């Protein structure tokens, strides 16, 4: 039904039989779907390969960032231990 206008065009203007026109339309649509599928899968494989090759660098960056966070937290709590203990005691005293 959807292909009817195109099949009619092939039949009237190009003088191709209706069965042959239908076959041409079906083959063209299948080729288009397969071609688009190939392009999508090729791009997906390419991007996945790039991600896998960058994974060691991503991991190193993550480790470095987490070490920096740990260092910052250690420095913060080392300098503020007394303040933190006092704050916790005051907070607990409110709920007694």
PDB file of N, CA and C in Angstrom:
ATOM      1  N   UNK A   1       0.807  -1.188   0.000  1.00  0.00           N
ATOM      2  CA  UNK A   1       0.000   0.000   0.000  1.00  0.00           C
ATOM      3  C   UNK A   1       0.863   1.271   0.000  1.00  0.00           C
ATOM      4  N   UNK A   2       1.847   1.286   0.877  1.00  0.00           N
ATOM      5  CA  UNK A   2       2.697   2.480   0.957  1.00  0.00           C
ATOM      6  C   UNK A   2       3.523   2.637  -0.323  1.00  0.00           C
ATOM      7  N   UNK A   3       3.915   1.509  -0.890  1.00  0.00           N
ATOM      8  CA  UNK A   3       4.760   1.552  -2.082  1.00  0.00           C
ATOM      9  C   UNK A   3       3.950   1.748  -3.367  1.00  0.00           C
ATOM     10  N   UNK A   4       2.648   1.767  -3.274  1.00  0.00           N
ATOM     11  CA  UNK A   4       1.803   1.842  -4.464  1.00  0.00           C
ATOM     12  C   UNK A   4       2.111   3.044  -5.369  1.00  0.00           C
ATOM     13  N   UNK A   5       2.276   4.251  -4.834  1.00  0.00           N
ATOM     14  CA  UNK A   5       2.588   5.361  -5.744  1.00  0.00           C
ATOM     15  C   UNK A   5       3.894   5.162  -6.511  1.00  0.00           C
ATOM     16  N   UNK A   6       4.886   4.626  -5.850  1.00  0.00           N
ATOM     17  CA  UNK A   6       6.168   4.399  -6.526  1.00  0.00           C
ATOM     18  C   UNK A   6       6.036   3.288  -7.570  1.00  0.00           C
ATOM     19  N   UNK A   7       5.324   2.226  -7.214  1.00  0.00           N
ATOM     20  CA  UNK A   7       5.109   1.125  -8.162  1.00  0.00           C
ATOM     21  C   UNK A   7       4.307   1.627  -9.372  1.00  0.00           C
ATOM     22  N   UNK A   8       3.306   2.447  -9.125  1.00  0.00           N
ATOM     23  CA  UNK A   8       2.504   3.012 -10.213  1.00  0.00           C
ATOM     24  C   UNK A   8       3.386   3.886 -11.109  1.00  0.00           C
ATOM     25  N   UNK A   9       4.287   4.658 -10.511  1.00  0.00           N
ATOM     26  CA  UNK A   9       5.220   5.489 -11.293  1.00  0.00           C
ATOM     27  C   UNK A   9       6.068   4.605 -12.202  1.00  0.00           C
ATOM     28  N   UNK A  10       6.627   3.501 -11.644  1.00  0.00           N
ATOM     29  CA  UNK A  10       7.431   2.590 -12.449  1.00  0.00           C
ATOM     30  C   UNK A  10       6.590   1.990 -13.582  1.00  0.00           C
ATOM     31  N   UNK A  11       5.343   1.684 -13.276  1.00  0.00           N
ATOM     32  CA  UNK A  11       4.475   1.043 -14.266  1.00  0.00           C
ATOM     33  C   UNK A  11       4.104   1.995 -15.403  1.00  0.00           C
ATOM     34  N   UNK A  12       3.779   3.236 -15.047  1.00  0.00           N
ATOM     35  CA  UNK A  12       3.281   4.173 -16.070  1.00  0.00           C
ATOM     36  C   UNK A  12       4.399   4.912 -16.796  1.00  0.00           C
ATOM     37  N   UNK A  13       5.352   5.419 -16.095  1.00  0.00           N
ATOM     38  CA  UNK A  13       6.377   6.271 -16.710  1.00  0.00           C
ATOM     39  C   UNK A  13       7.561   5.493 -17.271  1.00  0.00           C
ATOM     40  N   UNK A  14       7.994   4.472 -16.529  1.00  0.00           N
ATOM     41  CA  UNK A  14       9.197   3.749 -16.967  1.00  0.00           C
ATOM     42  C   UNK A  14       8.820   2.465 -17.715  1.00  0.00           C
ATOM     43  N   UNK A  15       7.551   2.111 -17.689  1.00  0.00           N
ATOM     44  CA  UNK A  15       7.018   0.947 -18.409  1.00  0.00           C
ATOM     45  C   UNK A  15       7.589  -0.373 -17.878  1.00  0.00           C
ATOM     46  N   UNK A  16       7.627  -0.474 -16.569  1.00  0.00           N
ATOM     47  CA  UNK A  16       8.045  -1.718 -15.915  1.00  0.00           C
ATOM     48  C   UNK A  16       6.785  -2.385 -15.385  1.00  0.00           C
ATOM     49  N   UNK A  17       6.718  -3.715 -15.502  1.00  0.00           N
ATOM     50  CA  UNK A  17       5.548  -4.440 -15.001  1.00  0.00           C
ATOM     51  C   UNK A  17       5.380  -4.224 -13.501  1.00  0.00           C
ATOM     52  N   UNK A  18       4.139  -4.385 -13.057  1.00  0.00           N
ATOM     53  CA  UNK A  18       3.814  -4.122 -11.648  1.00  0.00           C
ATOM     54  C   UNK A  18       4.602  -5.041 -10.697  1.00  0.00           C
ATOM     55  N   UNK A  19       4.718  -6.323 -11.042  1.00  0.00           N
ATOM     56  CA  UNK A  19       5.452  -7.261 -10.182  1.00  0.00           C
ATOM     57  C   UNK A  19       6.932  -6.867 -10.093  1.00  0.00           C
ATOM     58  N   UNK A  20       7.509  -6.509 -11.219  1.00  0.00           N
ATOM     59  CA  UNK A  20       8.919  -6.113 -11.230  1.00  0.00           C
ATOM     60  C   UNK A  20       9.113  -4.806 -10.456  1.00  0.00           C
ATOM     61  N   UNK A  21       8.179  -3.869 -10.614  1.00  0.00           N
ATOM     62  CA  UNK A  21       8.262  -2.615  -9.868  1.00  0.00           C
ATOM     63  C   UNK A  21       8.164  -2.841  -8.368  1.00  0.00           C
ATOM     64  N   UNK A  22       7.264  -3.739  -7.975  1.00  0.00           N
ATOM     65  CA  UNK A  22       7.133  -4.070  -6.553  1.00  0.00           C
ATOM     66  C   UNK A  22       8.424  -4.699  -6.030  1.00  0.00           C
ATOM     67  N   UNK A  23       8.988  -5.593  -6.822  1.00  0.00           N
ATOM     68  CA  UNK A  23      10.244  -6.235  -6.421  1.00  0.00           C
ATOM     69  C   UNK A  23      11.353  -5.201  -6.277  1.00  0.00           C
ATOM     70  N   UNK A  24      11.424  -4.262  -7.208  1.00  0.00           N
ATOM     71  CA  UNK A  24      12.451  -3.217  -7.139  1.00  0.00           C
ATOM     72  C   UNK A  24      12.276  -2.378  -5.886  1.00  0.00           C
ATOM     73  N   UNK A  25      11.042  -2.001  -5.572  1.00  0.00           N
ATOM     74  CA  UNK A  25      10.788  -1.187  -4.372  1.00  0.00           C
ATOM     75  C   UNK A  25      11.165  -1.962  -3.114  1.00  0.00           C
ATOM     76  N   UNK A  26      10.780  -3.232  -3.044  1.00  0.00           N
ATOM     77  CA  UNK A  26      11.098  -4.044  -1.861  1.00  0.00           C
ATOM     78  C   UNK A  26      12.598  -4.198  -1.706  1.00  0.00           C
ATOM     79  N   UNK A  27      13.300  -4.476  -2.788  1.00  0.00           N
ATOM     80  CA  UNK A  27      14.759  -4.638  -2.732  1.00  0.00           C
ATOM     81  C   UNK A  27      15.425  -3.321  -2.329  1.00  0.00           C
ATOM     82  N   UNK A  28      14.926  -2.213  -2.859  1.00  0.00           N
ATOM     83  CA  UNK A  28      15.509  -0.908  -2.511  1.00  0.00           C
ATOM     84  C   UNK A  28      15.296  -0.592  -1.037  1.00  0.00           C
ATOM     85  N   UNK A  29      14.120  -0.879  -0.511  1.00  0.00           N
ATOM     86  CA  UNK A  29      13.852  -0.614   0.905  1.00  0.00           C
ATOM     87  C   UNK A  29      14.717  -1.502   1.784  1.00  0.00           C
ATOM     88  N   UNK A  30      14.824  -2.777   1.433  1.00  0.00           N
ATOM     89  CA  UNK A  30      15.685  -3.681   2.207  1.00  0.00           C
ATOM     90  C   UNK A  30      17.143  -3.233   2.162  1.00  0.00           C
ATOM     91  N   UNK A  31      17.603  -2.819   0.995  1.00  0.00           N
ATOM     92  CA  UNK A  31      18.988  -2.340   0.875  1.00  0.00           C
ATOM     93  C   UNK A  31      19.199  -1.094   1.733  1.00  0.00           C
ATOM     94  N   UNK A  32      18.213  -0.215   1.763  1.00  0.00           N
ATOM     95  CA  UNK A  32      18.315   0.991   2.588  1.00  0.00           C
ATOM     96  C   UNK A  32      18.378   0.638   4.068  1.00  0.00           C
ATOM     97  N   UNK A  33      17.537  -0.277   4.506  1.00  0.00           N
ATOM     98  CA  UNK A  33      17.532  -0.688   5.915  1.00  0.00           C
ATOM     99  C   UNK A  33      18.851  -1.358   6.285  1.00  0.00           C
ATOM    100  N   UNK A  34      19.333  -2.251   5.433  1.00  0.00           N
ATOM    101  CA  UNK A  34      20.602  -2.929   5.701  1.00  0.00           C
ATOM    102  C   UNK A  34      21.749  -1.919   5.710  1.00  0.00           C
ATOM    103  N   UNK A  35      21.753  -0.990   4.780  1.00  0.00           N
ATOM    104  CA  UNK A  35      22.813   0.031   4.740  1.00  0.00           C
ATOM    105  C   UNK A  35      22.819   0.910   5.984  1.00  0.00           C
ATOM    106  N   UNK A  36      21.644   1.340   6.410  1.00  0.00           N
ATOM    107  CA  UNK A  36      21.575   2.151   7.631  1.00  0.00           C
ATOM    108  C   UNK A  36      22.010   1.342   8.854  1.00  0.00           C
ATOM    109  N   UNK A  37      21.597   0.081   8.904  1.00  0.00           N
ATOM    110  CA  UNK A  37      22.027  -0.792  10.007  1.00  0.00           C
ATOM    111  C   UNK A  37      23.540  -0.949  10.029  1.00  0.00           C
ATOM    112  N   UNK A  38      24.130  -1.129   8.851  1.00  0.00           N
ATOM    113  CA  UNK A  38      25.581  -1.251   8.761  1.00  0.00           C
ATOM    114  C   UNK A  38      26.274   0.013   9.267  1.00  0.00           C
ATOM    115  N   UNK A  39      25.774   1.175   8.865  1.00  0.00           N
ATOM    116  CA  UNK A  39      26.385   2.430   9.304  1.00  0.00           C
ATOM    117  C   UNK A  39      26.282   2.613  10.814  1.00  0.00           C
ATOM    118  N   UNK A  40      25.135   2.277  11.372  1.00  0.00           N
ATOM    119  CA  UNK A  40      24.949   2.411  12.820  1.00  0.00           C
ATOM    120  C   UNK A  40      25.874   1.457  13.566  1.00  0.00           C
ATOM    121  N   UNK A  41      25.932   0.219  13.118  1.00  0.00           N
ATOM    122  CA  UNK A  41      26.777  -0.768  13.797  1.00  0.00           C
ATOM    123  C   UNK A  41      28.253  -0.411  13.643  1.00  0.00           C
ATOM    124  N   UNK A  42      28.657   0.055  12.470  1.00  0.00           N
ATOM    125  CA  UNK A  42      30.059   0.450  12.261  1.00  0.00           C
ATOM    126  C   UNK A  42      30.437   1.595  13.197  1.00  0.00           C
ATOM    127  N   UNK A  43      29.555   2.582  13.343  1.00  0.00           N
ATOM    128  CA  UNK A  43      29.833   3.715  14.242  1.00  0.00           C
ATOM    129  C   UNK A  43      29.886   3.244  15.688  1.00  0.00           C
ATOM    130  N   UNK A  44      28.995   2.352  16.060  1.00  0.00           N
ATOM    131  CA  UNK A  44      28.960   1.822  17.423  1.00  0.00           C
ATOM    132  C   UNK A  44      30.235   1.051  17.747  1.00  0.00           C
ATOM    133  N   UNK A  45      30.691   0.239  16.825  1.00  0.00           N
ATOM    134  CA  UNK A  45      31.928  -0.520  17.026  1.00  0.00           C
ATOM    135  C   UNK A  45      33.121   0.422  17.119  1.00  0.00           C
ATOM    136  N   UNK A  46      33.153   1.423  16.270  1.00  0.00           N
ATOM    137  CA  UNK A  46      34.258   2.389  16.285  1.00  0.00           C
ATOM    138  C   UNK A  46      34.313   3.144  17.611  1.00  0.00           C
ATOM    139  N   UNK A  47      33.171   3.625  18.075  1.00  0.00           N
ATOM    140  CA  UNK A  47      33.129   4.357  19.340  1.00  0.00           C
ATOM    141  C   UNK A  47      33.481   3.446  20.519  1.00  0.00           C
ATOM    142  N   UNK A  48      33.024   2.197  20.480  1.00  0.00           N
ATOM    143  CA  UNK A  48      33.335   1.249  21.555  1.00  0.00           C
ATOM    144  C   UNK A  48      34.835   0.959  21.599  1.00  0.00           C
ATOM    145  N   UNK A  49      35.449   0.803  20.441  1.00  0.00           N
ATOM    146  CA  UNK A  49      36.892   0.552  20.392  1.00  0.00           C
ATOM    147  C   UNK A  49      37.660   1.755  20.942  1.00  0.00           C
ATOM    148  N   UNK A  50      37.226   2.958  20.603  1.00  0.00           N
ATOM    149  CA  UNK A  50      37.877   4.154  21.136  1.00  0.00           C
ATOM    150  C   UNK A  50      37.727   4.256  22.646  1.00  0.00           C
ATOM    151  N   UNK A  51      36.537   3.916  23.157  1.00  0.00           N
ATOM    152  CA  UNK A  51      36.308   3.947  24.600  1.00  0.00           C
ATOM    153  C   UNK A  51      37.192   2.926  25.304  1.00  0.00           C
ATOM    154  N   UNK A  52      37.287   1.724  24.747  1.00  0.00           N
ATOM    155  CA  UNK A  52      38.108   0.679  25.367  1.00  0.00           C
ATOM    156  C   UNK A  52      39.575   1.078  25.351  1.00  0.00           C
ATOM    157  N   UNK A  53      40.037   1.713  24.291  1.00  0.00           N
ATOM    158  CA  UNK A  53      41.450   2.116  24.243  1.00  0.00           C
ATOM    159  C   UNK A  53      41.730   3.276  25.201  1.00  0.00           C
ATOM    160  N   UNK A  54      40.729   4.108  25.497  1.00  0.00           N
ATOM    161  CA  UNK A  54      40.906   5.216  26.442  1.00  0.00           C
ATOM    162  C   UNK A  54      40.674   4.810  27.891  1.00  0.00           C
ATOM    163  N   UNK A  55      40.187   3.617  28.121  1.00  0.00           N
ATOM    164  CA  UNK A  55      39.845   3.184  29.471  1.00  0.00           C
ATOM    165  C   UNK A  55      41.018   3.236  30.453  1.00  0.00           C
ATOM    166  N   UNK A  56      42.230   2.821  30.087  1.00  0.00           N
ATOM    167  CA  UNK A  56      43.347   2.946  31.044  1.00  0.00           C
ATOM    168  C   UNK A  56      43.602   4.404  31.462  1.00  0.00           C
ATOM    169  N   UNK A  57      43.512   5.335  30.521  1.00  0.00           N
ATOM    170  CA  UNK A  57      43.719   6.741  30.870  1.00  0.00           C
ATOM    171  C   UNK A  57      42.594   7.265  31.756  1.00  0.00           C
ATOM    172  N   UNK A  58      41.374   6.833  31.478  1.00  0.00           N
ATOM    173  CA  UNK A  58      40.246   7.241  32.316  1.00  0.00           C
ATOM    174  C   UNK A  58      40.443   6.713  33.738  1.00  0.00           C
ATOM    175  N   UNK A  59      40.892   5.464  33.852  1.00  0.00           N
ATOM    176  CA  UNK A  59      41.109   4.864  35.169  1.00  0.00           C
ATOM    177  C   UNK A  59      42.215   5.611  35.926  1.00  0.00           C
ATOM    178  N   UNK A  60      43.304   5.940  35.242  1.00  0.00           N
ATOM    179  CA  UNK A  60      44.399   6.676  35.898  1.00  0.00           C
ATOM    180  C   UNK A  60      43.915   8.040  36.378  1.00  0.00           C
ATOM    181  N   UNK A  61      43.127   8.716  35.561  1.00  0.00           N
ATOM    182  CA  UNK A  61      42.590  10.012  35.958  1.00  0.00           C
ATOM    183  C   UNK A  61      41.668   9.892  37.158  1.00  0.00           C
ATOM    184  N   UNK A  62      40.847   8.856  37.179  1.00  0.00           N
ATOM    185  CA  UNK A  62      39.947   8.625  38.310  1.00  0.00           C
ATOM    186  C   UNK A  62      40.734   8.342  39.576  1.00  0.00           C
ATOM    187  N   UNK A  63      41.766   7.513  39.469  1.00  0.00           N
ATOM    188  CA  UNK A  63      42.605   7.234  40.638  1.00  0.00           C
ATOM    189  C   UNK A  63      43.261   8.510  41.156  1.00  0.00           C
ATOM    190  N   UNK A  64      43.771   9.313  40.248  1.00  0.00           N
ATOM    191  CA  UNK A  64      44.427  10.561  40.635  1.00  0.00           C
ATOM    192  C   UNK A  64      43.439  11.497  41.336  1.00  0.00           C
ATOM    193  N   UNK A  65      42.240  11.612  40.785  1.00  0.00           N
ATOM    194  CA  UNK A  65      41.223  12.478  41.394  1.00  0.00           C
ATOM    195  C   UNK A  65      40.829  11.988  42.776  1.00  0.00           C
ATOM    196  N   UNK A  66      40.665  10.676  42.921  1.00  0.00           N
ATOM    197  CA  UNK A  66      40.284  10.134  44.228  1.00  0.00           C
ATOM    198  C   UNK A  66      41.406  10.301  45.257  1.00  0.00           C
ATOM    199  N   UNK A  67      42.647  10.172  44.820  1.00  0.00           N
ATOM    200  CA  UNK A  67      43.773  10.406  45.742  1.00  0.00           C
ATOM    201  C   UNK A  67      43.781  11.866  46.193  1.00  0.00           C
ATOM    202  N   UNK A  68      43.515  12.765  45.276  1.00  0.00           N
ATOM    203  CA  UNK A  68      43.478  14.191  45.617  1.00  0.00           C
ATOM    204  C   UNK A  68      42.352  14.477  46.608  1.00  0.00           C
ATOM    205  N   UNK A  69      41.190  13.871  46.388  1.00  0.00           N
ATOM    206  CA  UNK A  69      40.074  14.051  47.323  1.00  0.00           C
ATOM    207  C   UNK A  69      40.455  13.519  48.698  1.00  0.00           C
ATOM    208  N   UNK A  70      41.076  12.349  48.738  1.00  0.00           N
ATOM    209  CA  UNK A  70      41.515  11.772  50.013  1.00  0.00           C
ATOM    210  C   UNK A  70      42.517  12.673  50.722  1.00  0.00           C
ATOM    211  N   UNK A  71      43.456  13.218  49.973  1.00  0.00           N
ATOM    212  CA  UNK A  71      44.450  14.123  50.562  1.00  0.00           C
ATOM    213  C   UNK A  71      43.777  15.379  51.111  1.00  0.00           C
ATOM    214  N   UNK A  72      42.853  15.935  50.350  1.00  0.00           N
ATOM    215  CA  UNK A  72      42.148  17.137  50.799  1.00  0.00           C
ATOM    216  C   UNK A  72      41.335  16.865  52.059  1.00  0.00           C
ATOM    217  N   UNK A  73      40.649  15.734  52.094  1.00  0.00           N
ATOM    218  CA  UNK A  73      39.861  15.397  53.283  1.00  0.00           C
ATOM    219  C   UNK A  73      40.761  15.147  54.492  1.00  0.00           C
ATOM    220  N   UNK A  74      41.882  14.471  54.274  1.00  0.00           N
ATOM    221  CA  UNK A  74      42.817  14.222  55.371  1.00  0.00           C
ATOM    222  C   UNK A  74      43.346  15.539  55.926  1.00  0.00           C
ATOM    223  N   UNK A  75      43.728  16.444  55.040  1.00  0.00           N
ATOM    224  CA  UNK A  75      44.230  17.744  55.486  1.00  0.00           C
ATOM    225  C   UNK A  75      43.143  18.534  56.217  1.00  0.00           C
ATOM    226  N   UNK A  76      41.918  18.461  55.721  1.00  0.00           N
ATOM    227  CA  UNK A  76      40.827  19.204  56.340  1.00  0.00           C
ATOM    228  C   UNK A  76      40.547  18.679  57.745  1.00  0.00           C
ATOM    229  N   UNK A  77      40.422  17.370  57.882  1.00  0.00           N
ATOM    230  CA  UNK A  77      40.082  16.800  59.191  1.00  0.00           C
ATOM    231  C   UNK A  77      41.255  16.841  60.160  1.00  0.00           C
ATOM    232  N   UNK A  78      42.482  16.801  59.647  1.00  0.00           N
ATOM    233  CA  UNK A  78      43.650  16.880  60.534  1.00  0.00           C
ATOM    234  C   UNK A  78      43.726  18.257  61.179  1.00  0.00           C
ATOM    235  N   UNK A  79      43.385  19.289  60.426  1.00  0.00           N
ATOM    236  CA  UNK A  79      43.452  20.646  60.968  1.00  0.00           C
ATOM    237  C   UNK A  79      42.236  21.018  61.785  1.00  0.00           C
ATOM    238  N   UNK A  80      41.135  20.286  61.630  1.00  0.00           N
ATOM    239  CA  UNK A  80      39.889  20.643  62.288  1.00  0.00           C
ATOM    240  C   UNK A  80      39.364  19.561  63.220  1.00  0.00           C
ATOM    241  N   UNK A  81      40.239  18.688  63.700  1.00  0.00           N
ATOM    242  CA  UNK A  81      39.785  17.585  64.535  1.00  0.00           C
ATOM    243  C   UNK A  81      39.096  18.098  65.783  1.00  0.00           C
ATOM    244  N   UNK A  82      39.706  19.071  66.425  1.00  0.00           N
ATOM    245  CA  UNK A  82      39.111  19.624  67.651  1.00  0.00           C
ATOM    246  C   UNK A  82      37.751  20.244  67.376  1.00  0.00           C
ATOM    247  N   UNK A  83      37.653  20.977  66.306  1.00  0.00           N
ATOM    248  CA  UNK A  83      36.375  21.603  65.943  1.00  0.00           C
ATOM    249  C   UNK A  83      35.308  20.555  65.650  1.00  0.00           C
ATOM    250  N   UNK A  84      35.687  19.500  64.941  1.00  0.00           N
ATOM    251  CA  UNK A  84      34.731  18.449  64.596  1.00  0.00           C
ATOM    252  C   UNK A  84      34.236  17.744  65.852  1.00  0.00           C
ATOM    253  N   UNK A  85      35.130  17.417  66.775  1.00  0.00           N
ATOM    254  CA  UNK A  85      34.729  16.738  68.011  1.00  0.00           C
ATOM    255  C   UNK A  85      33.802  17.640  68.820  1.00  0.00           C
ATOM    256  N   UNK A  86      34.149  18.905  68.922  1.00  0.00           N
ATOM    257  CA  UNK A  86      33.315  19.850  69.665  1.00  0.00           C
ATOM    258  C   UNK A  86      31.929  19.967  69.022  1.00  0.00           C
ATOM    259  N   UNK A  87      31.872  20.020  67.707  1.00  0.00           N
ATOM    260  CA  UNK A  87      30.594  20.124  66.988  1.00  0.00           C
ATOM    261  C   UNK A  87      29.743  18.886  67.238  1.00  0.00           C
ATOM    262  N   UNK A  88      30.365  17.705  67.178  1.00  0.00           N
ATOM    263  CA  UNK A  88      29.632  16.459  67.405  1.00  0.00           C
ATOM    264  C   UNK A  88      29.101  16.409  68.832  1.00  0.00           C
ATOM    265  N   UNK A  89      29.918  16.805  69.811  1.00  0.00           N
ATOM    266  CA  UNK A  89      29.456  16.800  71.206  1.00  0.00           C
ATOM    267  C   UNK A  89      28.294  17.772  71.403  1.00  0.00           C
ATOM    268  N   UNK A  90      28.378  18.942  70.778  1.00  0.00           N
ATOM    269  CA  UNK A  90      27.279  19.919  70.914  1.00  0.00           C
ATOM    270  C   UNK A  90      26.016  19.387  70.247  1.00  0.00           C
ATOM    271  N   UNK A  91      26.146  18.756  69.114  1.00  0.00           N
ATOM    272  CA  UNK A  91      24.987  18.202  68.414  1.00  0.00           C
ATOM    273  C   UNK A  91      24.352  17.078  69.209  1.00  0.00           C
ATOM    274  N   UNK A  92      25.187  16.263  69.849  1.00  0.00           N
ATOM    275  CA  UNK A  92      24.660  15.159  70.662  1.00  0.00           C
ATOM    276  C   UNK A  92      24.009  15.691  71.940  1.00  0.00           C
ATOM    277  N   UNK A  93      24.543  16.768  72.492  1.00  0.00           N
ATOM    278  CA  UNK A  93      23.997  17.333  73.722  1.00  0.00           C
ATOM    279  C   UNK A  93      22.576  17.870  73.497  1.00  0.00           C
ATOM    280  N   UNK A  94      22.293  18.316  72.311  1.00  0.00           N
ATOM    281  CA  UNK A  94      20.959  18.833  72.005  1.00  0.00           C
ATOM    282  C   UNK A  94      19.904  17.730  72.116  1.00  0.00           C
ATOM    283  N   UNK A  95      20.273  16.510  71.760  1.00  0.00           N
ATOM    284  CA  UNK A  95      19.309  15.400  71.728  1.00  0.00           C
ATOM    285  C   UNK A  95      19.281  14.602  73.016  1.00  0.00           C
ATOM    286  N   UNK A  96      20.010  15.000  74.067  1.00  0.00           N
ATOM    287  CA  UNK A  96      19.989  14.261  75.334  1.00  0.00           C
ATOM    288  C   UNK A  96      18.817  14.640  76.167  1.00  0.00           C
TER     289      UNK A  96
END
